Amino acid sequence: MKTRGTSFATNRPPFECIALVLQGGGALGSYQAGIYEAMAEAGLPLDWVAGISIGAVNAALIAGNPPEKRVEKLHAFWNTITTNPLLDWVTTNELFAPKGELARRVHNAIGANYALLAGAADFFTPRFPAPFFHAHGSHEATSFYDTAQLRSTLERLVDFDRINHGETRFSVGAVNVRTGNFTYFDNTRELIRPEHVMASGALPPGFGAVEIDGEHYWDGGLISNTPLQWVVDTAGMRQDTLAFQVDLWSARGDLPGNIFEVSTRQKEIQYSSRTRSETDHFKRLQRIRGALAHLLENLPPELQNSEDFDLLKQVADQKVYSVVHLIYRTQKHEGHSKDYEFSRLTMLDHWKSGYQDAKRTLENPAIYARPQNREGVLAFDLLKEDD
């Protein structure tokens, strides 16, 4: 059992799989990087990392590097894309750091507008001319920004041979533009390339669809912004799982008072995980699976030799699951642009917040115990009980 001050090196939590599940949320993604830093510092092993959108990028940086290099590569990525000649001096000069909510709102507005007009370094750049001036049917006519630089950044910071070697399972979600179907690219099923990661983060109309093997894909967050279901419920591959689900959007929030707050609240509802309802549904499902598994074990042999038995056996199991929720809590000075406000100061705030939240959560021994309830499912949000 993990307690404060102990190491996981000789005391792995009693689960077959320890997974990190990363939601999409653009510039908020450095919160996930801070969480991983705390996990790495604690020596917590990681068997599977799955992500959507910016979560897919962070997942690639983690799975695509040896454990001792992962935090370094996450820092390299986030320091690079938050380079901003208008605001970088703020992070190096304490005298001019914005103080108070109003000053911070102004700072964030400058950062967000800079990203809109100039993009983010080594990540995306505005199309010039704008998409309206490109030929119908051309790739340039379908998005406002070009993400070609992201490919070079991924190739520089991520070892895709390592991902495909399968030391850490890796999954990212995307949506097929033509069929509208959601799909997961998984290193147990296919060779992962930079375009699989880019496809998971190709949110229209900002970013254009990414072509993979003749099909075109958009951001998986259009359908599901959290890959938890894929991790805990992949048919035929279910395992006793301890999953750390990192959400960048909280489902709970205040009633908006102006049009900008409406925009913020819309994003929060659209991209948040339905934490409580999905967990309750999964508990009921696992209780049924457990009861079915017990029933099948006690059937007489003559009833076990049937197609119906084989079909039911595929969905029956007695696996256990603990899901630890880490949810970013929006600060008062953040507004509707928080997912594209790529200033260095804000990135560091998000990173620090993730690190501190993870440290507090990882110190609680309850999350490492195998569930003993009938459902075999436990869910934790230790940072705020009413969320």
Protein backbone atom coordinates (compact mmCIF):
# COMPACT_ATOMS: atom_id res chain seq x y z
CA MET A 1 0.00 0.00 0.00
CA LYS A 2 1.32 3.40 -0.97
CA THR A 3 1.69 5.85 1.89
CA ARG A 4 3.45 9.18 2.18
CA GLY A 5 7.19 8.85 1.73
CA THR A 6 7.21 5.29 0.33
CA SER A 7 8.22 4.16 -3.15
CA PHE A 8 6.38 2.19 -5.81
CA ALA A 9 9.61 0.53 -6.94
CA THR A 10 8.94 -2.56 -4.81
CA ASN A 11 5.30 -1.94 -3.92
CA ARG A 12 3.24 -1.66 -7.10
CA PRO A 13 -0.49 -1.03 -6.54
CA PRO A 14 -2.45 -4.31 -6.90
CA PHE A 15 -3.82 -3.74 -10.40
CA GLU A 16 -2.98 -5.38 -13.72
CA CYS A 17 -3.01 -2.00 -15.48
CA ILE A 18 -2.23 1.55 -14.33
CA ALA A 19 -3.53 4.03 -16.88
CA LEU A 20 -3.34 7.77 -17.48
CA VAL A 21 -6.36 9.16 -19.35
CA LEU A 22 -5.98 12.67 -20.79
CA GLN A 23 -8.82 14.89 -21.95
CA GLY A 24 -8.62 17.56 -24.66
CA GLY A 25 -8.48 21.25 -23.81
CA GLY A 26 -5.82 23.09 -25.81
CA ALA A 27 -3.71 25.49 -23.76
CA LEU A 28 -5.05 23.95 -20.54
CA GLY A 29 -3.02 20.83 -21.33
CA SER A 30 0.00 21.87 -19.27
CA TYR A 31 -2.14 20.95 -16.24
CA GLN A 32 -1.77 17.34 -17.42
CA ALA A 33 1.98 17.75 -17.73
CA GLY A 34 2.16 18.90 -14.11
CA ILE A 35 0.15 15.87 -13.03
CA TYR A 36 2.49 13.52 -14.87
CA GLU A 37 5.50 15.19 -13.24
CA ALA A 38 4.06 14.38 -9.81
CA MET A 39 3.36 10.80 -10.87
CA ALA A 40 6.90 10.40 -12.17
CA GLU A 41 8.33 11.94 -9.00
CA ALA A 42 6.35 9.39 -6.95
CA GLY A 43 7.70 6.56 -9.10
CA LEU A 44 4.20 5.39 -10.06
CA PRO A 45 4.47 2.90 -12.96
CA LEU A 46 2.41 3.55 -16.07
CA ASP A 47 1.15 0.79 -18.36
CA TRP A 48 -1.24 2.68 -20.63
CA VAL A 49 -1.63 6.30 -21.67
CA ALA A 50 -4.62 7.44 -23.73
CA GLY A 51 -5.53 10.91 -24.91
CA ILE A 52 -7.77 13.14 -26.99
CA SER A 53 -6.61 16.35 -28.70
CA ILE A 54 -3.93 18.06 -26.56
CA GLY A 55 -4.18 14.98 -24.35
CA ALA A 56 -3.00 12.96 -27.36
CA VAL A 57 0.05 15.21 -27.70
CA ASN A 58 0.93 14.85 -24.03
CA ALA A 59 0.32 11.10 -24.28
CA ALA A 60 2.78 10.87 -27.18
CA LEU A 61 5.41 12.84 -25.28
CA ILE A 62 5.03 10.41 -22.38
CA ALA A 63 4.79 7.09 -24.22
CA GLY A 64 7.35 8.18 -26.81
CA ASN A 65 10.20 8.74 -24.34
CA PRO A 66 11.97 6.71 -21.63
CA PRO A 67 10.64 7.42 -18.12
CA GLU A 68 13.68 9.47 -17.13
CA LYS A 69 13.21 11.81 -20.14
CA ARG A 70 9.45 12.32 -20.14
CA VAL A 71 9.19 15.38 -17.90
CA GLU A 72 12.08 16.99 -19.77
CA LYS A 73 10.29 16.49 -23.12
CA LEU A 74 7.01 17.80 -21.72
CA HIS A 75 8.84 20.93 -20.56
CA ALA A 76 10.48 21.28 -23.98
CA PHE A 77 7.13 21.13 -25.76
CA TRP A 78 5.25 23.50 -23.47
CA ASN A 79 8.09 26.02 -23.21
CA THR A 80 8.35 26.07 -27.00
CA ILE A 81 4.70 26.57 -27.89
CA THR A 82 4.22 29.28 -25.24
CA THR A 83 6.99 31.48 -26.62
CA ASN A 84 5.47 34.96 -26.93
CA PRO A 85 7.62 38.04 -27.62
CA LEU A 86 4.91 40.31 -26.24
CA LEU A 87 4.67 38.62 -22.85
CA ASP A 88 7.79 36.52 -22.21
CA TRP A 89 9.39 39.34 -20.21
CA VAL A 90 6.61 38.96 -17.63
CA THR A 91 7.85 35.52 -16.60
CA THR A 92 11.43 36.73 -16.16
CA ASN A 93 10.76 40.00 -14.38
CA GLU A 94 8.84 39.78 -11.13
CA LEU A 95 8.50 43.56 -10.99
CA PHE A 96 6.22 43.59 -14.04
CA ALA A 97 4.22 40.43 -13.28
CA PRO A 98 0.46 41.14 -13.42
CA LYS A 99 -0.99 41.48 -9.94
CA GLY A 100 -4.68 41.28 -9.20
CA GLU A 101 -7.57 39.82 -11.18
CA LEU A 102 -7.97 42.75 -13.61
CA ALA A 103 -4.26 42.82 -14.52
CA ARG A 104 -4.31 39.09 -15.07
CA ARG A 105 -7.39 39.33 -17.29
CA VAL A 106 -5.58 41.90 -19.44
CA HIS A 107 -2.49 39.69 -19.61
CA ASN A 108 -4.59 36.68 -20.66
CA ALA A 109 -6.44 38.69 -23.27
CA ILE A 110 -3.13 39.75 -24.84
CA GLY A 111 -1.94 36.14 -24.84
CA ALA A 112 -5.15 34.84 -26.40
CA ASN A 113 -5.26 37.50 -29.11
CA TYR A 114 -1.61 36.88 -29.92
CA ALA A 115 -2.42 33.20 -30.48
CA LEU A 116 -5.37 34.12 -32.71
CA LEU A 117 -3.26 36.45 -34.84
CA ALA A 118 0.15 34.77 -34.79
CA GLY A 119 -0.48 31.18 -33.70
CA ALA A 120 1.72 29.23 -31.30
CA ALA A 121 5.42 28.62 -31.95
CA ASP A 122 6.19 25.24 -33.56
CA PHE A 123 2.53 24.31 -33.24
CA PHE A 124 0.22 26.23 -35.59
CA THR A 125 0.32 29.36 -37.76
CA PRO A 126 -2.47 31.41 -39.41
CA ARG A 127 -3.19 30.64 -43.03
CA PHE A 128 -2.34 33.45 -45.39
CA PRO A 129 -4.32 34.12 -47.42
CA ALA A 130 -7.34 33.11 -45.34
CA PRO A 131 -9.25 29.93 -46.28
CA PHE A 132 -11.93 31.97 -48.09
CA PHE A 133 -9.39 32.77 -50.81
CA HIS A 134 -8.35 29.18 -51.57
CA ALA A 135 -9.93 26.92 -54.16
CA HIS A 136 -12.96 24.91 -53.12
CA GLY A 137 -11.93 21.39 -52.14
CA SER A 138 -8.34 22.28 -51.33
CA HIS A 139 -6.95 21.49 -47.89
CA GLU A 140 -6.14 25.17 -47.36
CA ALA A 141 -9.81 26.12 -47.84
CA THR A 142 -10.95 24.08 -44.83
CA SER A 143 -9.17 25.63 -41.85
CA PHE A 144 -7.88 28.91 -40.45
CA TYR A 145 -4.51 27.55 -39.22
CA ASP A 146 -1.75 25.36 -40.58
CA THR A 147 -0.38 22.68 -38.22
CA ALA A 148 2.56 21.54 -40.36
CA GLN A 149 4.95 22.75 -37.66
CA LEU A 150 3.38 20.36 -35.15
CA ARG A 151 4.57 17.40 -37.19
CA SER A 152 8.17 18.62 -37.00
CA THR A 153 7.81 19.22 -33.26
CA LEU A 154 6.43 15.72 -32.67
CA GLU A 155 9.18 14.15 -34.76
CA ARG A 156 11.77 16.06 -32.73
CA LEU A 157 10.40 15.31 -29.26
CA VAL A 158 8.71 11.90 -29.66
CA ASP A 159 10.33 8.55 -30.47
CA PHE A 160 7.59 6.81 -32.46
CA ASP A 161 9.65 3.63 -32.65
CA ARG A 162 9.41 3.48 -28.87
CA ILE A 163 5.64 3.94 -29.00
CA ASN A 164 5.30 1.18 -31.57
CA HIS A 165 7.59 -1.13 -29.61
CA GLY A 166 4.73 -1.26 -27.11
CA GLU A 167 6.51 -0.79 -23.80
CA THR A 168 3.62 1.50 -22.85
CA ARG A 169 0.23 1.01 -24.44
CA PHE A 170 -0.80 4.13 -26.36
CA SER A 171 -4.24 5.18 -27.67
CA VAL A 172 -5.59 8.39 -29.21
CA GLY A 173 -9.11 9.11 -30.44
CA ALA A 174 -10.27 10.83 -33.63
CA VAL A 175 -13.41 11.22 -35.77
CA ASN A 176 -13.66 10.08 -39.38
CA VAL A 177 -14.85 13.17 -41.28
CA ARG A 178 -16.58 11.20 -44.01
CA THR A 179 -18.45 8.64 -41.89
CA GLY A 180 -18.73 10.55 -38.61
CA ASN A 181 -17.53 7.45 -36.76
CA PHE A 182 -15.27 7.69 -33.73
CA THR A 183 -12.10 5.60 -33.84
CA TYR A 184 -9.10 4.90 -31.64
CA PHE A 185 -5.60 4.59 -33.01
CA ASP A 186 -3.85 2.11 -30.73
CA ASN A 187 -0.30 0.77 -30.81
CA THR A 188 -1.60 -2.75 -30.18
CA ARG A 189 -3.41 -2.62 -33.54
CA GLU A 190 -1.42 -0.36 -35.88
CA LEU A 191 1.83 1.52 -36.35
CA ILE A 192 1.48 4.97 -34.77
CA ARG A 193 2.79 7.93 -36.75
CA PRO A 194 2.76 11.70 -36.12
CA GLU A 195 -0.42 12.08 -38.17
CA HIS A 196 -2.37 9.88 -35.73
CA VAL A 197 -1.57 12.33 -32.93
CA MET A 198 -2.26 15.34 -35.15
CA ALA A 199 -5.61 13.87 -36.25
CA SER A 200 -6.73 13.54 -32.64
CA GLY A 201 -6.14 17.28 -32.18
CA ALA A 202 -7.46 18.56 -35.53
CA LEU A 203 -10.34 20.62 -34.15
CA PRO A 204 -12.30 22.35 -36.95
CA PRO A 205 -12.57 24.98 -38.22
CA GLY A 206 -9.29 26.07 -36.65
CA PHE A 207 -7.31 23.04 -37.80
CA GLY A 208 -7.78 21.05 -40.99
CA ALA A 209 -8.52 17.34 -41.17
CA VAL A 210 -5.54 15.00 -41.21
CA GLU A 211 -5.35 12.28 -43.86
CA ILE A 212 -4.47 8.76 -42.71
CA ASP A 213 -4.50 5.87 -45.19
CA GLY A 214 -6.96 7.61 -47.51
CA GLU A 215 -9.40 8.76 -44.82
CA HIS A 216 -9.59 12.16 -43.14
CA TYR A 217 -9.92 12.71 -39.40
CA TRP A 218 -10.87 15.51 -37.02
CA ASP A 219 -10.44 16.01 -33.27
CA GLY A 220 -11.92 13.16 -31.22
CA GLY A 221 -13.40 15.70 -28.80
CA LEU A 222 -16.19 16.35 -31.30
CA ILE A 223 -17.77 13.09 -30.09
CA SER A 224 -16.03 12.10 -26.85
CA ASN A 225 -13.42 14.21 -25.12
CA THR A 226 -12.30 11.54 -22.65
CA PRO A 227 -10.95 8.10 -23.63
CA LEU A 228 -11.79 6.45 -20.29
CA GLN A 229 -14.36 4.10 -21.79
CA TRP A 230 -11.79 2.74 -24.23
CA VAL A 231 -9.37 2.03 -21.40
CA VAL A 232 -11.76 0.28 -19.02
CA ASP A 233 -14.13 -1.37 -21.46
CA THR A 234 -12.24 -2.61 -24.52
CA ALA A 235 -13.94 -5.92 -25.33
CA GLY A 236 -11.72 -8.92 -24.77
CA MET A 237 -8.98 -6.81 -23.15
CA ARG A 238 -10.47 -5.84 -19.79
CA GLN A 239 -8.00 -5.79 -16.90
CA ASP A 240 -7.99 -4.86 -13.22
CA THR A 241 -7.34 -1.14 -13.73
CA LEU A 242 -6.29 1.89 -11.73
CA ALA A 243 -7.05 4.82 -14.03
CA PHE A 244 -6.08 8.44 -13.44
CA GLN A 245 -8.53 10.51 -15.48
CA VAL A 246 -7.34 14.09 -16.03
CA ASP A 247 -10.10 16.45 -17.09
CA LEU A 248 -9.44 19.96 -18.32
CA TRP A 249 -13.10 20.99 -18.33
CA SER A 250 -15.33 20.80 -15.27
CA ALA A 251 -18.98 19.94 -15.83
CA ARG A 252 -20.03 22.18 -12.96
CA GLY A 253 -20.04 25.96 -13.24
CA ASP A 254 -21.88 29.20 -12.51
CA LEU A 255 -24.82 30.57 -14.45
CA PRO A 256 -23.30 32.87 -17.13
CA GLY A 257 -23.96 36.58 -16.85
CA ASN A 258 -22.80 37.82 -20.26
CA ILE A 259 -22.16 36.53 -23.77
CA PHE A 260 -18.48 35.77 -23.06
CA GLU A 261 -19.41 33.70 -20.03
CA VAL A 262 -21.97 31.89 -22.18
CA SER A 263 -19.16 30.90 -24.56
CA THR A 264 -17.06 29.65 -21.65
CA ARG A 265 -19.90 27.66 -20.13
CA GLN A 266 -20.79 26.14 -23.50
CA LYS A 267 -17.26 24.77 -23.89
CA GLU A 268 -17.23 23.43 -20.34
CA ILE A 269 -20.47 21.52 -20.85
CA GLN A 270 -19.59 20.34 -24.36
CA TYR A 271 -16.12 19.04 -23.57
CA SER A 272 -16.44 17.95 -19.94
CA SER A 273 -16.66 14.34 -18.80
CA ARG A 274 -19.98 13.23 -17.32
CA THR A 275 -18.05 11.98 -14.30
CA ARG A 276 -20.84 11.03 -11.90
CA SER A 277 -23.36 9.64 -14.43
CA GLU A 278 -20.76 7.66 -16.37
CA THR A 279 -19.30 6.19 -13.18
CA ASP A 280 -22.77 5.18 -11.92
CA HIS A 281 -23.54 3.56 -15.28
CA PHE A 282 -20.23 1.71 -15.27
CA LYS A 283 -20.86 0.45 -11.73
CA ARG A 284 -24.20 -1.01 -12.77
CA LEU A 285 -22.63 -2.59 -15.84
CA GLN A 286 -19.81 -4.18 -13.83
CA ARG A 287 -22.26 -5.53 -11.26
CA ILE A 288 -24.16 -7.24 -14.08
CA ARG A 289 -20.93 -8.59 -15.55
CA GLY A 290 -19.85 -9.96 -12.20
CA ALA A 291 -23.22 -11.62 -11.59
CA LEU A 292 -23.14 -13.07 -15.08
CA ALA A 293 -19.62 -14.42 -14.57
CA HIS A 294 -20.68 -16.07 -11.30
CA LEU A 295 -23.73 -17.58 -13.00
CA LEU A 296 -21.74 -18.94 -15.94
CA GLU A 297 -19.19 -20.55 -13.61
CA ASN A 298 -21.98 -22.53 -11.97
CA LEU A 299 -23.77 -23.74 -15.09
CA PRO A 300 -23.74 -27.51 -15.68
CA PRO A 301 -21.27 -28.67 -18.36
CA GLU A 302 -24.02 -29.53 -20.85
CA LEU A 303 -25.13 -25.86 -20.89
CA GLN A 304 -21.59 -24.53 -21.30
CA ASN A 305 -21.17 -26.08 -24.73
CA SER A 306 -23.27 -23.61 -26.66
CA GLU A 307 -22.96 -20.48 -28.77
CA ASP A 308 -25.03 -18.56 -26.20
CA PHE A 309 -22.55 -19.45 -23.46
CA ASP A 310 -19.60 -18.33 -25.61
CA LEU A 311 -21.36 -15.03 -26.38
CA LEU A 312 -22.19 -14.29 -22.75
CA LYS A 313 -18.68 -15.23 -21.63
CA GLN A 314 -17.28 -12.40 -23.79
CA VAL A 315 -19.04 -9.77 -21.68
CA ALA A 316 -18.84 -11.44 -18.27
CA ASP A 317 -15.93 -10.72 -15.95
CA GLN A 318 -15.04 -10.01 -12.34
CA LYS A 319 -12.40 -7.35 -12.97
CA VAL A 320 -12.06 -4.38 -10.63
CA TYR A 321 -11.59 -0.71 -11.47
CA SER A 322 -10.60 2.39 -9.54
CA VAL A 323 -10.95 5.71 -11.35
CA VAL A 324 -9.15 8.70 -9.83
CA HIS A 325 -10.48 11.99 -11.20
CA LEU A 326 -8.22 15.02 -11.40
CA ILE A 327 -10.20 17.98 -12.71
CA TYR A 328 -8.78 21.39 -13.53
CA ARG A 329 -10.63 24.12 -11.64
CA THR A 330 -10.90 27.31 -13.68
CA GLN A 331 -9.48 30.44 -12.09
CA LYS A 332 -11.57 33.62 -11.86
CA HIS A 333 -9.32 35.53 -14.26
CA GLU A 334 -9.75 32.91 -17.01
CA GLY A 335 -12.46 33.35 -19.60
CA HIS A 336 -13.74 31.92 -22.87
CA SER A 337 -10.23 31.99 -24.39
CA LYS A 338 -8.62 29.79 -21.74
CA ASP A 339 -8.15 26.91 -24.19
CA TYR A 340 -6.15 29.03 -26.62
CA GLU A 341 -4.37 31.41 -24.25
CA PHE A 342 -0.81 30.17 -24.76
CA SER A 343 1.19 32.61 -22.64
CA ARG A 344 4.14 31.27 -20.65
CA LEU A 345 2.84 32.63 -17.33
CA THR A 346 -0.52 30.91 -17.71
CA MET A 347 1.12 27.68 -18.82
CA LEU A 348 3.28 27.66 -15.69
CA ASP A 349 0.22 28.30 -13.53
CA HIS A 350 -1.60 25.34 -15.07
CA TRP A 351 1.47 23.12 -14.70
CA LYS A 352 1.89 24.06 -11.04
CA SER A 353 -1.79 23.48 -10.35
CA GLY A 354 -1.63 20.00 -11.91
CA TYR A 355 1.49 19.11 -9.96
CA GLN A 356 -0.01 20.21 -6.65
CA ASP A 357 -3.35 18.48 -7.28
CA ALA A 358 -1.60 15.24 -8.16
CA LYS A 359 0.71 15.42 -5.15
CA ARG A 360 -2.26 15.76 -2.80
CA THR A 361 -4.16 12.95 -4.49
CA LEU A 362 -1.24 10.52 -4.69
CA GLU A 363 -0.61 10.87 -0.96
CA ASN A 364 -3.99 9.31 -0.16
CA PRO A 365 -3.57 5.52 0.33
CA ALA A 366 -7.26 4.82 -0.37
CA ILE A 367 -6.81 5.14 -4.13
CA TYR A 368 -4.38 2.21 -4.28
CA ALA A 369 -6.63 -0.39 -2.61
CA ARG A 370 -8.54 -2.88 -4.75
CA PRO A 371 -12.30 -2.24 -4.72
CA GLN A 372 -14.16 -4.59 -2.38
CA ASN A 373 -17.74 -3.57 -3.22
CA ARG A 374 -20.13 -5.71 -5.28
CA GLU A 375 -19.65 -3.57 -8.38
CA GLY A 376 -15.87 -3.81 -8.21
CA VAL A 377 -15.69 -0.10 -9.09
CA LEU A 378 -14.53 2.88 -7.03
CA ALA A 379 -14.34 6.52 -8.12
CA PHE A 380 -12.36 9.25 -6.38
CA ASP A 381 -12.32 13.01 -6.65
CA LEU A 382 -10.34 13.91 -3.58
CA LEU A 383 -9.92 17.58 -4.43
CA LYS A 384 -13.56 18.61 -4.33
CA GLU A 385 -16.17 16.24 -3.02
CA ASP A 386 -19.25 17.88 -4.56
CA ASP A 387 -18.06 17.76 -8.19
